[in-house]
């Protein structure tokens, strides 16, 4: 019985900590204005990093990063592009590159999520309205400005939406204007296994792989059209995924 009481006490203590942390998150986000920011709030970034680390631990998700050395030669900010196969993609990719001050251009629905929406706003994530080309262009320009002003590096999905079968969808070439306008390189990655996270039974351990494929230097980015850059990126991703 003593062991049982100890176990119940520990369980109750952990539950209490979880409830206290959730209340803390609600308290610090309830009054956050629904607007875009020009500077990363370090407090909220720390909260985001810590919260994701806890979530990954609880969900038993491990991130494996291949070819880290490719980023060693990248000096300063960059545009990161990736394939997109799961809602977990931006979470895992952000956490993998958290020391690079990465933010994402994301769908508006993500900014309506309680707590999470407020925190990612404070970390300079941007919502893009793809149904309105004029507003979408404004968002891409804002992303370029954040990079040029050395606020963040920016991540975006050229496919524009998740691929439900894992194959690459058509690219929106215009996203590469972000790199051209900011005069920065394009970092190309792929993510794998993220689509399996939600399909697991009994929260079995899973490793999601992020592979750094290539860095298209800023000279090449400026000298080529967005369509040509898109073709290079697509070829790199197809080689990795196949």
C-alpha atoms as a PDB file:
ATOM      1  CA  UNK A   1       0.000   0.000   0.000  1.00  0.00           C
ATOM      2  CA  UNK A   2       2.881   2.347   0.762  1.00  0.00           C
ATOM      3  CA  UNK A   3       4.226   1.943  -2.785  1.00  0.00           C
ATOM      4  CA  UNK A   4       0.771   2.591  -4.201  1.00  0.00           C
ATOM      5  CA  UNK A   5       0.409   5.803  -2.218  1.00  0.00           C
ATOM      6  CA  UNK A   6       3.848   6.941  -3.346  1.00  0.00           C
ATOM      7  CA  UNK A   7       2.905   6.248  -6.958  1.00  0.00           C
ATOM      8  CA  UNK A   8      -0.393   8.097  -6.628  1.00  0.00           C
ATOM      9  CA  UNK A   9       1.400  10.996  -4.962  1.00  0.00           C
ATOM     10  CA  UNK A  10       3.902  11.256  -7.800  1.00  0.00           C
ATOM     11  CA  UNK A  11       1.131  10.987 -10.385  1.00  0.00           C
ATOM     12  CA  UNK A  12      -0.892  13.660  -8.615  1.00  0.00           C
ATOM     13  CA  UNK A  13       2.156  15.919  -8.408  1.00  0.00           C
ATOM     14  CA  UNK A  14       2.843  15.558 -12.131  1.00  0.00           C
ATOM     15  CA  UNK A  15      -0.799  16.259 -12.945  1.00  0.00           C
ATOM     16  CA  UNK A  16      -0.670  19.339 -10.766  1.00  0.00           C
ATOM     17  CA  UNK A  17       2.442  20.588 -12.590  1.00  0.00           C
ATOM     18  CA  UNK A  18       0.763  20.070 -15.961  1.00  0.00           C
ATOM     19  CA  UNK A  19      -2.335  21.974 -14.863  1.00  0.00           C
ATOM     20  CA  UNK A  20      -0.202  24.784 -13.422  1.00  0.00           C
ATOM     21  CA  UNK A  21       1.799  25.053 -16.652  1.00  0.00           C
ATOM     22  CA  UNK A  22      -1.338  25.143 -18.790  1.00  0.00           C
ATOM     23  CA  UNK A  23      -2.723  27.939 -16.607  1.00  0.00           C
ATOM     24  CA  UNK A  24       0.601  29.761 -16.962  1.00  0.00           C
ATOM     25  CA  UNK A  25       0.389  29.498 -20.766  1.00  0.00           C
ATOM     26  CA  UNK A  26      -3.174  30.795 -20.729  1.00  0.00           C
ATOM     27  CA  UNK A  27      -2.180  33.706 -18.515  1.00  0.00           C
ATOM     28  CA  UNK A  28       0.727  34.867 -20.695  1.00  0.00           C
ATOM     29  CA  UNK A  29      -1.161  34.567 -23.993  1.00  0.00           C
ATOM     30  CA  UNK A  30      -4.708  35.724 -23.283  1.00  0.00           C
ATOM     31  CA  UNK A  31      -3.896  39.411 -23.816  1.00  0.00           C
ATOM     32  CA  UNK A  32      -1.414  39.076 -26.704  1.00  0.00           C
ATOM     33  CA  UNK A  33      -2.591  41.383 -29.545  1.00  0.00           C
ATOM     34  CA  UNK A  34      -3.505  39.667 -32.791  1.00  0.00           C
ATOM     35  CA  UNK A  35      -0.939  41.378 -34.986  1.00  0.00           C
ATOM     36  CA  UNK A  36       2.393  40.789 -36.713  1.00  0.00           C
ATOM     37  CA  UNK A  37       5.623  41.598 -34.896  1.00  0.00           C
ATOM     38  CA  UNK A  38       8.941  43.001 -36.115  1.00  0.00           C
ATOM     39  CA  UNK A  39      11.063  41.553 -33.313  1.00  0.00           C
ATOM     40  CA  UNK A  40      11.233  38.155 -31.631  1.00  0.00           C
ATOM     41  CA  UNK A  41      10.176  38.267 -27.997  1.00  0.00           C
ATOM     42  CA  UNK A  42      12.834  36.178 -26.227  1.00  0.00           C
ATOM     43  CA  UNK A  43      10.534  35.296 -23.350  1.00  0.00           C
ATOM     44  CA  UNK A  44       7.914  33.797 -25.652  1.00  0.00           C
ATOM     45  CA  UNK A  45      10.576  32.069 -27.736  1.00  0.00           C
ATOM     46  CA  UNK A  46      11.899  30.434 -24.584  1.00  0.00           C
ATOM     47  CA  UNK A  47       8.371  29.323 -23.706  1.00  0.00           C
ATOM     48  CA  UNK A  48       7.897  27.917 -27.213  1.00  0.00           C
ATOM     49  CA  UNK A  49      11.186  26.001 -27.124  1.00  0.00           C
ATOM     50  CA  UNK A  50      10.494  24.554 -23.674  1.00  0.00           C
ATOM     51  CA  UNK A  51       6.894  23.631 -24.456  1.00  0.00           C
ATOM     52  CA  UNK A  52       7.833  21.807 -27.663  1.00  0.00           C
ATOM     53  CA  UNK A  53      10.576  19.895 -25.830  1.00  0.00           C
ATOM     54  CA  UNK A  54       8.017  18.707 -23.270  1.00  0.00           C
ATOM     55  CA  UNK A  55       5.506  17.755 -25.976  1.00  0.00           C
ATOM     56  CA  UNK A  56       8.126  15.757 -27.907  1.00  0.00           C
ATOM     57  CA  UNK A  57       9.144  13.952 -24.713  1.00  0.00           C
ATOM     58  CA  UNK A  58       5.546  13.132 -23.824  1.00  0.00           C
ATOM     59  CA  UNK A  59       4.764  11.942 -27.366  1.00  0.00           C
ATOM     60  CA  UNK A  60       8.034   9.975 -27.502  1.00  0.00           C
ATOM     61  CA  UNK A  61       9.224  11.672 -30.690  1.00  0.00           C
ATOM     62  CA  UNK A  62      12.921  11.845 -31.514  1.00  0.00           C
ATOM     63  CA  UNK A  63      14.382  14.079 -34.224  1.00  0.00           C
ATOM     64  CA  UNK A  64      17.320  12.847 -36.288  1.00  0.00           C
ATOM     65  CA  UNK A  65      19.151  15.477 -38.356  1.00  0.00           C
ATOM     66  CA  UNK A  66      21.337  14.336 -41.257  1.00  0.00           C
ATOM     67  CA  UNK A  67      24.119  16.372 -42.864  1.00  0.00           C
ATOM     68  CA  UNK A  68      24.312  19.055 -40.170  1.00  0.00           C
ATOM     69  CA  UNK A  69      27.712  20.046 -41.508  1.00  0.00           C
ATOM     70  CA  UNK A  70      26.112  21.496 -44.650  1.00  0.00           C
ATOM     71  CA  UNK A  71      24.859  24.422 -42.571  1.00  0.00           C
ATOM     72  CA  UNK A  72      28.330  25.193 -41.226  1.00  0.00           C
ATOM     73  CA  UNK A  73      29.129  27.371 -44.234  1.00  0.00           C
ATOM     74  CA  UNK A  74      25.894  29.363 -43.986  1.00  0.00           C
ATOM     75  CA  UNK A  75      26.735  32.746 -42.517  1.00  0.00           C
ATOM     76  CA  UNK A  76      23.718  34.765 -41.422  1.00  0.00           C
ATOM     77  CA  UNK A  77      20.060  34.411 -42.273  1.00  0.00           C
ATOM     78  CA  UNK A  78      18.491  32.153 -44.882  1.00  0.00           C
ATOM     79  CA  UNK A  79      15.245  30.910 -46.389  1.00  0.00           C
ATOM     80  CA  UNK A  80      14.502  27.292 -45.480  1.00  0.00           C
ATOM     81  CA  UNK A  81      12.272  25.191 -47.760  1.00  0.00           C
ATOM     82  CA  UNK A  82      10.972  21.694 -47.166  1.00  0.00           C
ATOM     83  CA  UNK A  83       8.485  19.108 -48.326  1.00  0.00           C
ATOM     84  CA  UNK A  84       5.267  18.989 -46.285  1.00  0.00           C
ATOM     85  CA  UNK A  85       3.568  15.769 -45.191  1.00  0.00           C
ATOM     86  CA  UNK A  86       2.227  16.328 -41.664  1.00  0.00           C
ATOM     87  CA  UNK A  87       0.965  18.972 -39.253  1.00  0.00           C
ATOM     88  CA  UNK A  88       3.995  18.055 -37.143  1.00  0.00           C
ATOM     89  CA  UNK A  89       6.425  19.291 -39.833  1.00  0.00           C
ATOM     90  CA  UNK A  90       6.732  22.946 -38.744  1.00  0.00           C
ATOM     91  CA  UNK A  91       6.861  21.974 -35.062  1.00  0.00           C
ATOM     92  CA  UNK A  92       9.712  19.510 -35.513  1.00  0.00           C
ATOM     93  CA  UNK A  93      11.572  21.641 -38.048  1.00  0.00           C
ATOM     94  CA  UNK A  94      11.310  24.740 -35.880  1.00  0.00           C
ATOM     95  CA  UNK A  95      12.645  22.827 -32.881  1.00  0.00           C
ATOM     96  CA  UNK A  96      15.486  21.275 -34.887  1.00  0.00           C
ATOM     97  CA  UNK A  97      16.631  24.741 -36.013  1.00  0.00           C
ATOM     98  CA  UNK A  98      15.563  26.703 -32.927  1.00  0.00           C
ATOM     99  CA  UNK A  99      19.091  28.073 -32.407  1.00  0.00           C
ATOM    100  CA  UNK A 100      18.897  29.624 -35.880  1.00  0.00           C
ATOM    101  CA  UNK A 101      15.917  31.809 -34.881  1.00  0.00           C
ATOM    102  CA  UNK A 102      13.670  30.156 -37.436  1.00  0.00           C
ATOM    103  CA  UNK A 103      10.114  31.367 -38.008  1.00  0.00           C
ATOM    104  CA  UNK A 104       7.547  30.054 -40.477  1.00  0.00           C
ATOM    105  CA  UNK A 105       5.121  31.402 -43.016  1.00  0.00           C
ATOM    106  CA  UNK A 106       2.038  29.400 -42.094  1.00  0.00           C
ATOM    107  CA  UNK A 107      -1.661  29.067 -42.803  1.00  0.00           C
ATOM    108  CA  UNK A 108      -3.979  31.489 -40.932  1.00  0.00           C
ATOM    109  CA  UNK A 109      -5.739  28.662 -39.079  1.00  0.00           C
ATOM    110  CA  UNK A 110      -2.608  27.994 -37.019  1.00  0.00           C
ATOM    111  CA  UNK A 111      -2.793  31.491 -35.551  1.00  0.00           C
ATOM    112  CA  UNK A 112      -6.315  30.831 -34.273  1.00  0.00           C
ATOM    113  CA  UNK A 113      -5.176  27.937 -32.070  1.00  0.00           C
ATOM    114  CA  UNK A 114      -5.510  28.994 -28.409  1.00  0.00           C
ATOM    115  CA  UNK A 115      -2.156  29.683 -26.705  1.00  0.00           C
ATOM    116  CA  UNK A 116      -0.063  28.441 -29.655  1.00  0.00           C
ATOM    117  CA  UNK A 117      -1.296  31.156 -32.014  1.00  0.00           C
ATOM    118  CA  UNK A 118      -0.300  33.950 -29.640  1.00  0.00           C
ATOM    119  CA  UNK A 119       3.137  32.476 -28.935  1.00  0.00           C
ATOM    120  CA  UNK A 120       4.101  31.976 -32.574  1.00  0.00           C
ATOM    121  CA  UNK A 121       2.997  35.542 -33.361  1.00  0.00           C
ATOM    122  CA  UNK A 122       5.426  36.767 -30.712  1.00  0.00           C
ATOM    123  CA  UNK A 123       8.141  34.706 -32.435  1.00  0.00           C
ATOM    124  CA  UNK A 124       7.515  36.474 -35.775  1.00  0.00           C
ATOM    125  CA  UNK A 125       5.654  33.669 -37.542  1.00  0.00           C
ATOM    126  CA  UNK A 126       3.558  35.042 -40.408  1.00  0.00           C
ATOM    127  CA  UNK A 127       0.105  34.038 -41.630  1.00  0.00           C
ATOM    128  CA  UNK A 128      -0.342  33.847 -45.395  1.00  0.00           C
ATOM    129  CA  UNK A 129      -3.713  34.097 -47.100  1.00  0.00           C
ATOM    130  CA  UNK A 130      -3.259  32.093 -50.297  1.00  0.00           C
ATOM    131  CA  UNK A 131      -6.826  32.824 -51.365  1.00  0.00           C
ATOM    132  CA  UNK A 132      -5.912  36.499 -51.757  1.00  0.00           C
ATOM    133  CA  UNK A 133      -2.867  36.974 -54.039  1.00  0.00           C
ATOM    134  CA  UNK A 134      -2.393  40.620 -53.047  1.00  0.00           C
ATOM    135  CA  UNK A 135      -2.285  39.780 -49.320  1.00  0.00           C
ATOM    136  CA  UNK A 136      -0.051  36.779 -50.009  1.00  0.00           C
ATOM    137  CA  UNK A 137       2.485  39.011 -51.782  1.00  0.00           C
ATOM    138  CA  UNK A 138       2.466  41.377 -48.778  1.00  0.00           C
ATOM    139  CA  UNK A 139       3.251  38.458 -46.493  1.00  0.00           C
ATOM    140  CA  UNK A 140       6.144  37.315 -48.683  1.00  0.00           C
ATOM    141  CA  UNK A 141       7.535  40.861 -48.622  1.00  0.00           C
ATOM    142  CA  UNK A 142       7.184  40.957 -44.845  1.00  0.00           C
ATOM    143  CA  UNK A 143       9.094  37.676 -44.631  1.00  0.00           C
ATOM    144  CA  UNK A 144      11.880  39.184 -46.739  1.00  0.00           C
ATOM    145  CA  UNK A 145      12.009  42.260 -44.499  1.00  0.00           C
ATOM    146  CA  UNK A 146      12.334  40.157 -41.347  1.00  0.00           C
ATOM    147  CA  UNK A 147      15.268  38.310 -42.906  1.00  0.00           C
ATOM    148  CA  UNK A 148      16.922  41.492 -44.238  1.00  0.00           C
ATOM    149  CA  UNK A 149      16.602  43.137 -40.820  1.00  0.00           C
ATOM    150  CA  UNK A 150      18.339  40.134 -39.209  1.00  0.00           C
ATOM    151  CA  UNK A 151      15.284  39.312 -37.095  1.00  0.00           C
ATOM    152  CA  UNK A 152      14.781  35.667 -38.120  1.00  0.00           C
ATOM    153  CA  UNK A 153      15.495  33.118 -40.802  1.00  0.00           C
ATOM    154  CA  UNK A 154      12.273  32.097 -42.476  1.00  0.00           C
ATOM    155  CA  UNK A 155      10.811  28.704 -43.345  1.00  0.00           C
ATOM    156  CA  UNK A 156       8.130  28.029 -45.945  1.00  0.00           C
ATOM    157  CA  UNK A 157       6.635  25.080 -47.832  1.00  0.00           C
ATOM    158  CA  UNK A 158       6.774  25.515 -51.631  1.00  0.00           C
ATOM    159  CA  UNK A 159       3.935  23.006 -52.006  1.00  0.00           C
ATOM    160  CA  UNK A 160       1.688  25.358 -50.055  1.00  0.00           C
ATOM    161  CA  UNK A 161      -0.177  22.523 -48.331  1.00  0.00           C
ATOM    162  CA  UNK A 162       0.352  19.009 -46.998  1.00  0.00           C
ATOM    163  CA  UNK A 163       0.829  16.108 -49.369  1.00  0.00           C
ATOM    164  CA  UNK A 164      -1.533  13.382 -48.183  1.00  0.00           C
ATOM    165  CA  UNK A 165       0.266  10.571 -50.017  1.00  0.00           C
ATOM    166  CA  UNK A 166       3.839  11.730 -49.435  1.00  0.00           C
ATOM    167  CA  UNK A 167       4.596  12.610 -53.070  1.00  0.00           C
ATOM    168  CA  UNK A 168       5.679  16.148 -53.891  1.00  0.00           C
ATOM    169  CA  UNK A 169       2.894  18.462 -55.018  1.00  0.00           C
ATOM    170  CA  UNK A 170       3.382  21.282 -57.500  1.00  0.00           C
ATOM    171  CA  UNK A 171       5.514  24.140 -56.187  1.00  0.00           C
ATOM    172  CA  UNK A 172       4.539  27.783 -55.861  1.00  0.00           C
ATOM    173  CA  UNK A 173       7.622  29.370 -57.435  1.00  0.00           C
ATOM    174  CA  UNK A 174       6.838  32.777 -55.952  1.00  0.00           C
ATOM    175  CA  UNK A 175       7.981  31.735 -52.466  1.00  0.00           C
ATOM    176  CA  UNK A 176      11.586  31.984 -53.651  1.00  0.00           C
ATOM    177  CA  UNK A 177      11.092  35.734 -54.073  1.00  0.00           C
ATOM    178  CA  UNK A 178      11.609  35.862 -50.304  1.00  0.00           C
ATOM    179  CA  UNK A 179      15.250  34.811 -50.723  1.00  0.00           C
ATOM    180  CA  UNK A 180      15.815  37.019 -53.760  1.00  0.00           C
ATOM    181  CA  UNK A 181      14.430  40.126 -52.086  1.00  0.00           C
ATOM    182  CA  UNK A 182      16.368  39.434 -48.892  1.00  0.00           C
ATOM    183  CA  UNK A 183      19.572  38.457 -50.760  1.00  0.00           C
ATOM    184  CA  UNK A 184      20.065  35.247 -48.755  1.00  0.00           C
ATOM    185  CA  UNK A 185      20.754  31.587 -49.572  1.00  0.00           C
ATOM    186  CA  UNK A 186      18.091  28.899 -49.748  1.00  0.00           C
ATOM    187  CA  UNK A 187      18.513  25.916 -47.428  1.00  0.00           C
ATOM    188  CA  UNK A 188      16.818  22.799 -48.819  1.00  0.00           C
ATOM    189  CA  UNK A 189      15.669  20.008 -46.490  1.00  0.00           C
ATOM    190  CA  UNK A 190      13.301  17.059 -46.458  1.00  0.00           C
ATOM    191  CA  UNK A 191      11.317  15.624 -43.567  1.00  0.00           C
ATOM    192  CA  UNK A 192      10.445  11.960 -43.304  1.00  0.00           C
ATOM    193  CA  UNK A 193       8.209   9.815 -41.073  1.00  0.00           C
ATOM    194  CA  UNK A 194       6.269  12.765 -39.677  1.00  0.00           C
ATOM    195  CA  UNK A 195       3.077  11.468 -41.269  1.00  0.00           C
ATOM    196  CA  UNK A 196       3.383   8.326 -39.119  1.00  0.00           C
ATOM    197  CA  UNK A 197       3.313  10.164 -35.782  1.00  0.00           C
ATOM    198  CA  UNK A 198      -0.467  10.443 -35.525  1.00  0.00           C
ATOM    199  CA  UNK A 199      -0.968   6.875 -36.805  1.00  0.00           C
ATOM    200  CA  UNK A 200       0.989   5.153 -34.029  1.00  0.00           C
ATOM    201  CA  UNK A 201      -0.627   2.792 -31.583  1.00  0.00           C
ATOM    202  CA  UNK A 202      -0.024   3.254 -27.849  1.00  0.00           C
ATOM    203  CA  UNK A 203       2.425   6.137 -28.413  1.00  0.00           C
ATOM    204  CA  UNK A 204       5.271   3.928 -29.552  1.00  0.00           C
ATOM    205  CA  UNK A 205       8.644   5.616 -29.940  1.00  0.00           C
ATOM    206  CA  UNK A 206       9.223   7.164 -33.347  1.00  0.00           C
ATOM    207  CA  UNK A 207      12.127   8.944 -35.011  1.00  0.00           C
ATOM    208  CA  UNK A 208      11.394  11.672 -37.523  1.00  0.00           C
ATOM    209  CA  UNK A 209      14.233  12.419 -39.909  1.00  0.00           C
ATOM    210  CA  UNK A 210      15.259  15.836 -41.169  1.00  0.00           C
ATOM    211  CA  UNK A 211      17.816  15.716 -43.960  1.00  0.00           C
ATOM    212  CA  UNK A 212      19.689  18.852 -44.986  1.00  0.00           C
ATOM    213  CA  UNK A 213      20.173  18.453 -48.728  1.00  0.00           C
ATOM    214  CA  UNK A 214      21.686  21.583 -50.175  1.00  0.00           C
ATOM    215  CA  UNK A 215      22.377  25.273 -49.730  1.00  0.00           C
ATOM    216  CA  UNK A 216      21.749  27.343 -52.840  1.00  0.00           C
ATOM    217  CA  UNK A 217      24.069  30.309 -52.379  1.00  0.00           C
ATOM    218  CA  UNK A 218      22.707  33.819 -52.641  1.00  0.00           C
ATOM    219  CA  UNK A 219      24.643  34.541 -55.841  1.00  0.00           C
ATOM    220  CA  UNK A 220      22.853  31.678 -57.568  1.00  0.00           C
ATOM    221  CA  UNK A 221      19.537  32.743 -56.046  1.00  0.00           C
ATOM    222  CA  UNK A 222      19.928  36.236 -57.521  1.00  0.00           C
ATOM    223  CA  UNK A 223      21.125  35.046 -60.924  1.00  0.00           C
ATOM    224  CA  UNK A 224      18.274  32.609 -61.581  1.00  0.00           C
ATOM    225  CA  UNK A 225      14.532  32.955 -61.984  1.00  0.00           C
ATOM    226  CA  UNK A 226      12.220  31.689 -59.279  1.00  0.00           C
ATOM    227  CA  UNK A 227      11.168  28.901 -61.639  1.00  0.00           C
ATOM    228  CA  UNK A 228      14.793  27.795 -62.074  1.00  0.00           C
ATOM    229  CA  UNK A 229      15.388  27.849 -58.305  1.00  0.00           C
ATOM    230  CA  UNK A 230      12.199  25.867 -57.829  1.00  0.00           C
ATOM    231  CA  UNK A 231      13.434  23.233 -60.286  1.00  0.00           C
ATOM    232  CA  UNK A 232      16.734  22.850 -58.401  1.00  0.00           C
ATOM    233  CA  UNK A 233      14.920  22.486 -55.082  1.00  0.00           C
ATOM    234  CA  UNK A 234      12.452  19.985 -56.475  1.00  0.00           C
ATOM    235  CA  UNK A 235      15.202  17.834 -57.945  1.00  0.00           C
ATOM    236  CA  UNK A 236      17.055  17.789 -54.607  1.00  0.00           C
ATOM    237  CA  UNK A 237      13.925  16.794 -52.717  1.00  0.00           C
ATOM    238  CA  UNK A 238      12.940  14.086 -55.189  1.00  0.00           C
ATOM    239  CA  UNK A 239      16.385  12.482 -54.909  1.00  0.00           C
ATOM    240  CA  UNK A 240      16.099  12.418 -51.139  1.00  0.00           C
ATOM    241  CA  UNK A 241      12.523  11.162 -50.972  1.00  0.00           C
ATOM    242  CA  UNK A 242      12.994   8.472 -53.616  1.00  0.00           C
END
